[in-house]
Amino acid sequence: MKSRSKYNPKAKKDSKLEIQDPRVAVYRDYMQKHTIICKFMGIWPTEKALNWWIQAKWKPKGEIKLQLGSMGFFIEIFDLIEDRYIIFG
Protein backbone atom coordinates (compact mmCIF):
# COMPACT_ATOMS: atom_id res chain seq x y z
CA MET A 1 0.00 0.00 0.00
CA LYS A 2 1.42 3.38 -0.98
CA SER A 3 1.63 6.18 1.55
CA ARG A 4 -0.16 9.35 0.51
CA SER A 5 0.08 12.84 1.89
CA LYS A 6 -3.13 14.35 3.22
CA TYR A 7 -2.19 17.54 1.33
CA ASN A 8 -1.46 15.76 -1.95
CA PRO A 9 -3.25 12.40 -2.20
CA LYS A 10 -1.33 11.53 -5.37
CA ALA A 11 2.10 12.06 -3.76
CA LYS A 12 4.39 9.07 -3.68
CA LYS A 13 6.14 8.06 -0.47
CA ASP A 14 9.65 8.50 -1.90
CA SER A 15 9.08 11.84 -3.62
CA LYS A 16 12.07 14.19 -3.41
CA LEU A 17 12.56 17.84 -4.20
CA GLU A 18 15.77 18.87 -5.91
CA ILE A 19 16.74 22.51 -6.25
CA GLN A 20 19.20 23.01 -9.07
CA ASP A 21 20.20 26.60 -8.20
CA PRO A 22 23.97 26.58 -7.39
CA ARG A 23 23.44 29.37 -4.83
CA VAL A 24 21.60 26.88 -2.63
CA ALA A 25 24.61 24.54 -2.60
CA VAL A 26 26.95 27.41 -1.73
CA TYR A 27 24.66 28.49 1.13
CA ARG A 28 24.34 24.90 2.40
CA ASP A 29 28.12 24.41 2.38
CA TYR A 30 28.66 27.70 4.23
CA MET A 31 26.08 26.83 6.87
CA GLN A 32 27.56 23.34 7.41
CA LYS A 33 30.98 24.86 8.15
CA HIS A 34 29.94 27.98 10.07
CA THR A 35 26.96 27.01 12.24
CA ILE A 36 26.06 25.09 15.33
CA ILE A 37 22.48 24.13 16.17
CA CYS A 38 21.88 24.08 19.92
CA LYS A 39 18.97 23.33 22.27
CA PHE A 40 18.32 24.64 25.75
CA MET A 41 17.69 22.00 28.38
CA GLY A 42 16.00 23.97 31.13
CA ILE A 43 15.40 27.69 31.51
CA TRP A 44 15.59 29.58 28.22
CA PRO A 45 17.64 32.77 28.58
CA THR A 46 16.86 35.96 26.72
CA GLU A 47 18.74 36.71 23.51
CA LYS A 48 20.67 39.46 25.30
CA ALA A 49 21.71 37.11 28.12
CA LEU A 50 22.73 34.42 25.66
CA ASN A 51 24.86 36.86 23.64
CA TRP A 52 26.55 38.02 26.86
CA TRP A 53 27.27 34.41 27.90
CA ILE A 54 28.73 33.55 24.47
CA GLN A 55 31.04 36.57 24.55
CA ALA A 56 32.12 35.92 28.16
CA LYS A 57 32.70 32.16 27.91
CA TRP A 58 33.83 31.56 24.33
CA LYS A 59 35.57 34.90 23.67
CA PRO A 60 35.16 34.71 19.88
CA LYS A 61 37.53 36.65 17.62
CA GLY A 62 34.86 37.21 14.96
CA GLU A 63 31.19 37.99 14.99
CA ILE A 64 28.57 35.43 15.98
CA LYS A 65 25.02 35.83 14.69
CA LEU A 66 22.31 34.28 16.79
CA GLN A 67 19.00 33.00 15.42
CA LEU A 68 16.43 31.87 17.95
CA GLY A 69 14.13 29.05 16.96
CA SER A 70 11.16 27.41 18.62
CA MET A 71 11.07 24.85 21.40
CA GLY A 72 14.43 25.95 22.86
CA PHE A 73 16.46 25.61 19.67
CA PHE A 74 18.85 28.28 18.45
CA ILE A 75 21.48 28.57 15.72
CA GLU A 76 24.84 30.28 16.02
CA ILE A 77 26.47 31.41 12.78
CA PHE A 78 30.20 32.09 13.10
CA ASP A 79 32.04 34.48 10.77
CA LEU A 80 35.30 32.65 11.56
CA ILE A 81 35.43 28.87 11.38
CA GLU A 82 38.16 28.94 14.05
CA ASP A 83 35.65 30.31 16.59
CA ARG A 84 33.34 27.36 15.88
CA TYR A 85 36.19 24.88 16.43
CA ILE A 86 37.14 26.48 19.78
CA ILE A 87 33.81 25.37 21.22
CA PHE A 88 34.58 21.72 20.50
CA GLY A 89 38.26 22.20 21.56
PDB file of N, CA and C in Angstrom:
ATOM      1  N   MET A   1       0.846  -1.178   0.000  1.00  0.00           N
ATOM      2  CA  MET A   1       0.000   0.000   0.000  1.00  0.00           C
ATOM      3  C   MET A   1       0.893   1.243   0.000  1.00  0.00           C
ATOM      4  N   LYS A   2       0.624   2.172  -0.883  1.00  0.00           N
ATOM      5  CA  LYS A   2       1.421   3.382  -0.985  1.00  0.00           C
ATOM      6  C   LYS A   2       0.949   4.422   0.018  1.00  0.00           C
ATOM      7  N   SER A   3       1.934   5.094   0.630  1.00  0.00           N
ATOM      8  CA  SER A   3       1.629   6.177   1.554  1.00  0.00           C
ATOM      9  C   SER A   3       1.272   7.430   0.770  1.00  0.00           C
ATOM     10  N   ARG A   4       0.253   8.130   1.191  1.00  0.00           N
ATOM     11  CA  ARG A   4      -0.159   9.348   0.508  1.00  0.00           C
ATOM     12  C   ARG A   4      -0.234  10.491   1.514  1.00  0.00           C
ATOM     13  N   SER A   5       0.140  11.649   1.064  1.00  0.00           N
ATOM     14  CA  SER A   5       0.081  12.843   1.892  1.00  0.00           C
ATOM     15  C   SER A   5      -1.360  13.324   1.965  1.00  0.00           C
ATOM     16  N   LYS A   6      -1.764  13.835   3.125  1.00  0.00           N
ATOM     17  CA  LYS A   6      -3.128  14.355   3.221  1.00  0.00           C
ATOM     18  C   LYS A   6      -3.270  15.646   2.414  1.00  0.00           C
ATOM     19  N   TYR A   7      -2.146  16.310   2.111  1.00  0.00           N
ATOM     20  CA  TYR A   7      -2.192  17.537   1.326  1.00  0.00           C
ATOM     21  C   TYR A   7      -2.137  17.255  -0.168  1.00  0.00           C
ATOM     22  N   ASN A   8      -1.561  16.143  -0.544  1.00  0.00           N
ATOM     23  CA  ASN A   8      -1.462  15.760  -1.946  1.00  0.00           C
ATOM     24  C   ASN A   8      -1.694  14.255  -2.029  1.00  0.00           C
ATOM     25  N   PRO A   9      -2.940  13.836  -2.220  1.00  0.00           N
ATOM     26  CA  PRO A   9      -3.247  12.401  -2.197  1.00  0.00           C
ATOM     27  C   PRO A   9      -2.533  11.592  -3.271  1.00  0.00           C
ATOM     28  N   LYS A  10      -2.032  12.248  -4.312  1.00  0.00           N
ATOM     29  CA  LYS A  10      -1.327  11.527  -5.372  1.00  0.00           C
ATOM     30  C   LYS A  10       0.181  11.453  -5.128  1.00  0.00           C
ATOM     31  N   ALA A  11       0.665  12.038  -4.041  1.00  0.00           N
ATOM     32  CA  ALA A  11       2.105  12.057  -3.759  1.00  0.00           C
ATOM     33  C   ALA A  11       2.603  10.656  -3.444  1.00  0.00           C
ATOM     34  N   LYS A  12       3.770  10.355  -3.959  1.00  0.00           N
ATOM     35  CA  LYS A  12       4.394   9.070  -3.677  1.00  0.00           C
ATOM     36  C   LYS A  12       5.203   9.184  -2.399  1.00  0.00           C
ATOM     37  N   LYS A  13       5.406   8.081  -1.731  1.00  0.00           N
ATOM     38  CA  LYS A  13       6.138   8.064  -0.472  1.00  0.00           C
ATOM     39  C   LYS A  13       7.573   8.548  -0.636  1.00  0.00           C
ATOM     40  N   ASP A  14       8.239   8.187  -1.711  1.00  0.00           N
ATOM     41  CA  ASP A  14       9.647   8.503  -1.895  1.00  0.00           C
ATOM     42  C   ASP A  14       9.878   9.738  -2.767  1.00  0.00           C
ATOM     43  N   SER A  15       8.918  10.630  -2.829  1.00  0.00           N
ATOM     44  CA  SER A  15       9.083  11.844  -3.624  1.00  0.00           C
ATOM     45  C   SER A  15      10.169  12.716  -3.017  1.00  0.00           C
ATOM     46  N   LYS A  16      10.987  13.323  -3.868  1.00  0.00           N
ATOM     47  CA  LYS A  16      12.074  14.186  -3.412  1.00  0.00           C
ATOM     48  C   LYS A  16      12.037  15.481  -4.196  1.00  0.00           C
ATOM     49  N   LEU A  17      12.465  16.537  -3.561  1.00  0.00           N
ATOM     50  CA  LEU A  17      12.559  17.838  -4.198  1.00  0.00           C
ATOM     51  C   LEU A  17      14.023  18.163  -4.405  1.00  0.00           C
ATOM     52  N   GLU A  18      14.397  18.483  -5.613  1.00  0.00           N
ATOM     53  CA  GLU A  18      15.767  18.874  -5.905  1.00  0.00           C
ATOM     54  C   GLU A  18      15.760  20.299  -6.416  1.00  0.00           C
ATOM     55  N   ILE A  19      16.600  21.133  -5.815  1.00  0.00           N
ATOM     56  CA  ILE A  19      16.738  22.514  -6.248  1.00  0.00           C
ATOM     57  C   ILE A  19      18.066  22.613  -6.981  1.00  0.00           C
ATOM     58  N   GLN A  20      18.013  23.003  -8.219  1.00  0.00           N
ATOM     59  CA  GLN A  20      19.200  23.006  -9.065  1.00  0.00           C
ATOM     60  C   GLN A  20      19.998  24.309  -8.996  1.00  0.00           C
ATOM     61  N   ASP A  21      19.521  25.311  -8.287  1.00  0.00           N
ATOM     62  CA  ASP A  21      20.204  26.600  -8.202  1.00  0.00           C
ATOM     63  C   ASP A  21      21.530  26.434  -7.451  1.00  0.00           C
ATOM     64  N   PRO A  22      22.671  26.763  -8.059  1.00  0.00           N
ATOM     65  CA  PRO A  22      23.968  26.578  -7.394  1.00  0.00           C
ATOM     66  C   PRO A  22      24.130  27.451  -6.144  1.00  0.00           C
ATOM     67  N   ARG A  23      23.353  28.526  -6.027  1.00  0.00           N
ATOM     68  CA  ARG A  23      23.439  29.370  -4.827  1.00  0.00           C
ATOM     69  C   ARG A  23      22.998  28.610  -3.588  1.00  0.00           C
ATOM     70  N   VAL A  24      22.076  27.678  -3.758  1.00  0.00           N
ATOM     71  CA  VAL A  24      21.603  26.882  -2.626  1.00  0.00           C
ATOM     72  C   VAL A  24      22.728  25.990  -2.108  1.00  0.00           C
ATOM     73  N   ALA A  25      23.488  25.388  -3.006  1.00  0.00           N
ATOM     74  CA  ALA A  25      24.608  24.536  -2.603  1.00  0.00           C
ATOM     75  C   ALA A  25      25.682  25.352  -1.899  1.00  0.00           C
ATOM     76  N   VAL A  26      25.956  26.549  -2.375  1.00  0.00           N
ATOM     77  CA  VAL A  26      26.954  27.414  -1.735  1.00  0.00           C
ATOM     78  C   VAL A  26      26.488  27.781  -0.332  1.00  0.00           C
ATOM     79  N   TYR A  27      25.222  28.139  -0.186  1.00  0.00           N
ATOM     80  CA  TYR A  27      24.663  28.491   1.126  1.00  0.00           C
ATOM     81  C   TYR A  27      24.713  27.288   2.070  1.00  0.00           C
ATOM     82  N   ARG A  28      24.323  26.108   1.577  1.00  0.00           N
ATOM     83  CA  ARG A  28      24.345  24.896   2.398  1.00  0.00           C
ATOM     84  C   ARG A  28      25.760  24.589   2.896  1.00  0.00           C
ATOM     85  N   ASP A  29      26.739  24.688   1.997  1.00  0.00           N
ATOM     86  CA  ASP A  29      28.122  24.412   2.382  1.00  0.00           C
ATOM     87  C   ASP A  29      28.611  25.407   3.426  1.00  0.00           C
ATOM     88  N   TYR A  30      28.273  26.680   3.248  1.00  0.00           N
ATOM     89  CA  TYR A  30      28.658  27.703   4.226  1.00  0.00           C
ATOM     90  C   TYR A  30      28.047  27.393   5.594  1.00  0.00           C
ATOM     91  N   MET A  31      26.756  27.086   5.607  1.00  0.00           N
ATOM     92  CA  MET A  31      26.076  26.826   6.874  1.00  0.00           C
ATOM     93  C   MET A  31      26.623  25.566   7.562  1.00  0.00           C
ATOM     94  N   GLN A  32      27.004  24.555   6.804  1.00  0.00           N
ATOM     95  CA  GLN A  32      27.563  23.344   7.405  1.00  0.00           C
ATOM     96  C   GLN A  32      28.882  23.631   8.111  1.00  0.00           C
ATOM     97  N   LYS A  33      29.667  24.559   7.588  1.00  0.00           N
ATOM     98  CA  LYS A  33      30.975  24.861   8.152  1.00  0.00           C
ATOM     99  C   LYS A  33      30.930  25.933   9.233  1.00  0.00           C
ATOM    100  N   HIS A  34      29.944  26.800   9.203  1.00  0.00           N
ATOM    101  CA  HIS A  34      29.945  27.981  10.066  1.00  0.00           C
ATOM    102  C   HIS A  34      28.863  27.987  11.143  1.00  0.00           C
ATOM    103  N   THR A  35      28.065  26.954  11.270  1.00  0.00           N
ATOM    104  CA  THR A  35      26.963  27.006  12.237  1.00  0.00           C
ATOM    105  C   THR A  35      26.999  25.856  13.229  1.00  0.00           C
ATOM    106  N   ILE A  36      26.341  26.120  14.331  1.00  0.00           N
ATOM    107  CA  ILE A  36      26.058  25.093  15.331  1.00  0.00           C
ATOM    108  C   ILE A  36      24.585  25.238  15.685  1.00  0.00           C
ATOM    109  N   ILE A  37      23.872  24.125  15.732  1.00  0.00           N
ATOM    110  CA  ILE A  37      22.481  24.129  16.166  1.00  0.00           C
ATOM    111  C   ILE A  37      22.466  23.621  17.596  1.00  0.00           C
ATOM    112  N   CYS A  38      21.882  24.403  18.492  1.00  0.00           N
ATOM    113  CA  CYS A  38      21.876  24.076  19.921  1.00  0.00           C
ATOM    114  C   CYS A  38      20.446  24.012  20.437  1.00  0.00           C
ATOM    115  N   LYS A  39      20.282  23.400  21.614  1.00  0.00           N
ATOM    116  CA  LYS A  39      18.973  23.329  22.267  1.00  0.00           C
ATOM    117  C   LYS A  39      19.155  23.554  23.753  1.00  0.00           C
ATOM    118  N   PHE A  40      18.308  24.404  24.304  1.00  0.00           N
ATOM    119  CA  PHE A  40      18.319  24.636  25.752  1.00  0.00           C
ATOM    120  C   PHE A  40      17.661  23.464  26.460  1.00  0.00           C
ATOM    121  N   MET A  41      18.251  23.071  27.566  1.00  0.00           N
ATOM    122  CA  MET A  41      17.691  21.999  28.380  1.00  0.00           C
ATOM    123  C   MET A  41      17.384  22.571  29.765  1.00  0.00           C
ATOM    124  N   GLY A  42      16.357  23.329  29.866  1.00  0.00           N
ATOM    125  CA  GLY A  42      16.003  23.974  31.128  1.00  0.00           C
ATOM    126  C   GLY A  42      15.472  25.359  30.850  1.00  0.00           C
ATOM    127  N   ILE A  43      15.870  26.309  31.659  1.00  0.00           N
ATOM    128  CA  ILE A  43      15.401  27.687  31.507  1.00  0.00           C
ATOM    129  C   ILE A  43      15.983  28.283  30.226  1.00  0.00           C
ATOM    130  N   TRP A  44      15.156  28.953  29.464  1.00  0.00           N
ATOM    131  CA  TRP A  44      15.585  29.580  28.221  1.00  0.00           C
ATOM    132  C   TRP A  44      15.964  31.028  28.498  1.00  0.00           C
ATOM    133  N   PRO A  45      17.233  31.385  28.323  1.00  0.00           N
ATOM    134  CA  PRO A  45      17.638  32.773  28.577  1.00  0.00           C
ATOM    135  C   PRO A  45      17.153  33.701  27.465  1.00  0.00           C
ATOM    136  N   THR A  46      17.199  34.977  27.750  1.00  0.00           N
ATOM    137  CA  THR A  46      16.864  35.956  26.720  1.00  0.00           C
ATOM    138  C   THR A  46      17.991  35.999  25.695  1.00  0.00           C
ATOM    139  N   GLU A  47      17.714  36.589  24.548  1.00  0.00           N
ATOM    140  CA  GLU A  47      18.736  36.707  23.507  1.00  0.00           C
ATOM    141  C   GLU A  47      19.909  37.541  24.005  1.00  0.00           C
ATOM    142  N   LYS A  48      19.624  38.599  24.754  1.00  0.00           N
ATOM    143  CA  LYS A  48      20.675  39.459  25.301  1.00  0.00           C
ATOM    144  C   LYS A  48      21.560  38.682  26.277  1.00  0.00           C
ATOM    145  N   ALA A  49      20.947  37.901  27.154  1.00  0.00           N
ATOM    146  CA  ALA A  49      21.710  37.110  28.124  1.00  0.00           C
ATOM    147  C   ALA A  49      22.548  36.041  27.423  1.00  0.00           C
ATOM    148  N   LEU A  50      21.994  35.441  26.397  1.00  0.00           N
ATOM    149  CA  LEU A  50      22.727  34.417  25.657  1.00  0.00           C
ATOM    150  C   LEU A  50      23.926  35.028  24.930  1.00  0.00           C
ATOM    151  N   ASN A  51      23.739  36.176  24.297  1.00  0.00           N
ATOM    152  CA  ASN A  51      24.858  36.862  23.642  1.00  0.00           C
ATOM    153  C   ASN A  51      25.952  37.213  24.637  1.00  0.00           C
ATOM    154  N   TRP A  52      25.568  37.679  25.817  1.00  0.00           N
ATOM    155  CA  TRP A  52      26.548  38.015  26.862  1.00  0.00           C
ATOM    156  C   TRP A  52      27.326  36.764  27.260  1.00  0.00           C
ATOM    157  N   TRP A  53      26.620  35.658  27.478  1.00  0.00           N
ATOM    158  CA  TRP A  53      27.266  34.414  27.899  1.00  0.00           C
ATOM    159  C   TRP A  53      28.252  33.928  26.829  1.00  0.00           C
ATOM    160  N   ILE A  54      27.848  33.978  25.564  1.00  0.00           N
ATOM    161  CA  ILE A  54      28.729  33.549  24.470  1.00  0.00           C
ATOM    162  C   ILE A  54      30.001  34.382  24.461  1.00  0.00           C
ATOM    163  N   GLN A  55      29.873  35.694  24.568  1.00  0.00           N
ATOM    164  CA  GLN A  55      31.044  36.574  24.548  1.00  0.00           C
ATOM    165  C   GLN A  55      31.946  36.330  25.768  1.00  0.00           C
ATOM    166  N   ALA A  56      31.346  36.110  26.933  1.00  0.00           N
ATOM    167  CA  ALA A  56      32.118  35.918  28.164  1.00  0.00           C
ATOM    168  C   ALA A  56      32.822  34.560  28.211  1.00  0.00           C
ATOM    169  N   LYS A  57      32.149  33.515  27.784  1.00  0.00           N
ATOM    170  CA  LYS A  57      32.703  32.156  27.911  1.00  0.00           C
ATOM    171  C   LYS A  57      33.565  31.744  26.722  1.00  0.00           C
ATOM    172  N   TRP A  58      33.123  32.042  25.511  1.00  0.00           N
ATOM    173  CA  TRP A  58      33.828  31.564  24.330  1.00  0.00           C
ATOM    174  C   TRP A  58      34.841  32.561  23.799  1.00  0.00           C
ATOM    175  N   LYS A  59      34.662  33.837  24.115  1.00  0.00           N
ATOM    176  CA  LYS A  59      35.572  34.904  23.675  1.00  0.00           C
ATOM    177  C   LYS A  59      35.910  34.792  22.177  1.00  0.00           C
ATOM    178  N   PRO A  60      34.901  34.862  21.318  1.00  0.00           N
ATOM    179  CA  PRO A  60      35.162  34.712  19.880  1.00  0.00           C
ATOM    180  C   PRO A  60      35.957  35.891  19.311  1.00  0.00           C
ATOM    181  N   LYS A  61      36.753  35.605  18.294  1.00  0.00           N
ATOM    182  CA  LYS A  61      37.529  36.651  17.620  1.00  0.00           C
ATOM    183  C   LYS A  61      36.678  37.364  16.569  1.00  0.00           C
ATOM    184  N   GLY A  62      35.742  36.647  15.973  1.00  0.00           N
ATOM    185  CA  GLY A  62      34.860  37.212  14.956  1.00  0.00           C
ATOM    186  C   GLY A  62      33.464  37.415  15.507  1.00  0.00           C
ATOM    187  N   GLU A  63      32.573  37.758  14.609  1.00  0.00           N
ATOM    188  CA  GLU A  63      31.185  37.992  14.990  1.00  0.00           C
ATOM    189  C   GLU A  63      30.413  36.675  14.998  1.00  0.00           C
ATOM    190  N   ILE A  64      29.473  36.571  15.928  1.00  0.00           N
ATOM    191  CA  ILE A  64      28.573  35.425  15.984  1.00  0.00           C
ATOM    192  C   ILE A  64      27.157  35.958  15.858  1.00  0.00           C
ATOM    193  N   LYS A  65      26.431  35.456  14.862  1.00  0.00           N
ATOM    194  CA  LYS A  65      25.025  35.834  14.688  1.00  0.00           C
ATOM    195  C   LYS A  65      24.180  34.761  15.344  1.00  0.00           C
ATOM    196  N   LEU A  66      23.174  35.183  16.045  1.00  0.00           N
ATOM    197  CA  LEU A  66      22.312  34.277  16.785  1.00  0.00           C
ATOM    198  C   LEU A  66      20.922  34.293  16.175  1.00  0.00           C
ATOM    199  N   GLN A  67      20.365  33.117  15.912  1.00  0.00           N
ATOM    200  CA  GLN A  67      19.002  33.000  15.418  1.00  0.00           C
ATOM    201  C   GLN A  67      18.237  32.094  16.366  1.00  0.00           C
ATOM    202  N   LEU A  68      17.239  32.655  17.016  1.00  0.00           N
ATOM    203  CA  LEU A  68      16.431  31.873  17.947  1.00  0.00           C
ATOM    204  C   LEU A  68      15.358  31.120  17.181  1.00  0.00           C
ATOM    205  N   GLY A  69      15.159  29.877  17.565  1.00  0.00           N
ATOM    206  CA  GLY A  69      14.127  29.047  16.961  1.00  0.00           C
ATOM    207  C   GLY A  69      13.034  28.760  17.966  1.00  0.00           C
ATOM    208  N   SER A  70      12.229  27.782  17.696  1.00  0.00           N
ATOM    209  CA  SER A  70      11.165  27.412  18.622  1.00  0.00           C
ATOM    210  C   SER A  70      11.596  26.224  19.473  1.00  0.00           C
ATOM    211  N   MET A  71      10.871  25.997  20.528  1.00  0.00           N
ATOM    212  CA  MET A  71      11.070  24.846  21.404  1.00  0.00           C
ATOM    213  C   MET A  71      12.480  24.773  21.993  1.00  0.00           C
ATOM    214  N   GLY A  72      13.117  25.927  22.226  1.00  0.00           N
ATOM    215  CA  GLY A  72      14.429  25.950  22.858  1.00  0.00           C
ATOM    216  C   GLY A  72      15.607  25.823  21.920  1.00  0.00           C
ATOM    217  N   PHE A  73      15.373  25.722  20.630  1.00  0.00           N
ATOM    218  CA  PHE A  73      16.463  25.614  19.667  1.00  0.00           C
ATOM    219  C   PHE A  73      16.978  26.993  19.285  1.00  0.00           C
ATOM    220  N   PHE A  74      18.274  27.065  18.998  1.00  0.00           N
ATOM    221  CA  PHE A  74      18.850  28.280  18.448  1.00  0.00           C
ATOM    222  C   PHE A  74      20.048  27.907  17.583  1.00  0.00           C
ATOM    223  N   ILE A  75      20.377  28.793  16.656  1.00  0.00           N
ATOM    224  CA  ILE A  75      21.482  28.568  15.723  1.00  0.00           C
ATOM    225  C   ILE A  75      22.492  29.682  15.918  1.00  0.00           C
ATOM    226  N   GLU A  76      23.754  29.309  15.965  1.00  0.00           N
ATOM    227  CA  GLU A  76      24.841  30.277  16.023  1.00  0.00           C
ATOM    228  C   GLU A  76      25.593  30.193  14.701  1.00  0.00           C
ATOM    229  N   ILE A  77      25.764  31.344  14.057  1.00  0.00           N
ATOM    230  CA  ILE A  77      26.473  31.415  12.784  1.00  0.00           C
ATOM    231  C   ILE A  77      27.767  32.188  13.022  1.00  0.00           C
ATOM    232  N   PHE A  78      28.891  31.523  12.826  1.00  0.00           N
ATOM    233  CA  PHE A  78      30.202  32.092  13.097  1.00  0.00           C
ATOM    234  C   PHE A  78      30.812  32.666  11.827  1.00  0.00           C
ATOM    235  N   ASP A  79      31.317  33.897  11.907  1.00  0.00           N
ATOM    236  CA  ASP A  79      32.040  34.476  10.768  1.00  0.00           C
ATOM    237  C   ASP A  79      33.357  33.733  10.544  1.00  0.00           C
ATOM    238  N   LEU A  80      34.017  33.356  11.635  1.00  0.00           N
ATOM    239  CA  LEU A  80      35.301  32.653  11.559  1.00  0.00           C
ATOM    240  C   LEU A  80      35.115  31.188  11.959  1.00  0.00           C
ATOM    241  N   ILE A  81      35.541  30.298  11.086  1.00  0.00           N
ATOM    242  CA  ILE A  81      35.425  28.868  11.382  1.00  0.00           C
ATOM    243  C   ILE A  81      36.218  28.518  12.636  1.00  0.00           C
ATOM    244  N   GLU A  82      37.322  29.220  12.877  1.00  0.00           N
ATOM    245  CA  GLU A  82      38.160  28.944  14.051  1.00  0.00           C
ATOM    246  C   GLU A  82      37.359  29.114  15.347  1.00  0.00           C
ATOM    247  N   ASP A  83      36.473  30.101  15.395  1.00  0.00           N
ATOM    248  CA  ASP A  83      35.646  30.307  16.589  1.00  0.00           C
ATOM    249  C   ASP A  83      34.733  29.106  16.814  1.00  0.00           C
ATOM    250  N   ARG A  84      34.211  28.540  15.759  1.00  0.00           N
ATOM    251  CA  ARG A  84      33.344  27.363  15.883  1.00  0.00           C
ATOM    252  C   ARG A  84      34.136  26.183  16.436  1.00  0.00           C
ATOM    253  N   TYR A  85      35.382  26.003  15.973  1.00  0.00           N
ATOM    254  CA  TYR A  85      36.188  24.882  16.428  1.00  0.00           C
ATOM    255  C   TYR A  85      36.633  25.041  17.891  1.00  0.00           C
ATOM    256  N   ILE A  86      36.770  26.260  18.376  1.00  0.00           N
ATOM    257  CA  ILE A  86      37.140  26.483  19.780  1.00  0.00           C
ATOM    258  C   ILE A  86      36.130  25.855  20.725  1.00  0.00           C
ATOM    259  N   ILE A  87      34.887  25.913  20.371  1.00  0.00           N
ATOM    260  CA  ILE A  87      33.814  25.371  21.225  1.00  0.00           C
ATOM    261  C   ILE A  87      33.986  23.873  21.433  1.00  0.00           C
ATOM    262  N   PHE A  88      34.423  23.183  20.403  1.00  0.00           N
ATOM    263  CA  PHE A  88      34.579  21.724  20.496  1.00  0.00           C
ATOM    264  C   PHE A  88      35.964  21.334  20.990  1.00  0.00           C
ATOM    265  N   GLY A  89      36.863  22.356  21.170  1.00  0.00           N
ATOM    266  CA  GLY A  89      38.260  22.203  21.555  1.00  0.00           C
ATOM    267  C   GLY A  89      38.545  21.135  22.479  1.00  0.00           C
TER     268      GLY A  89
END
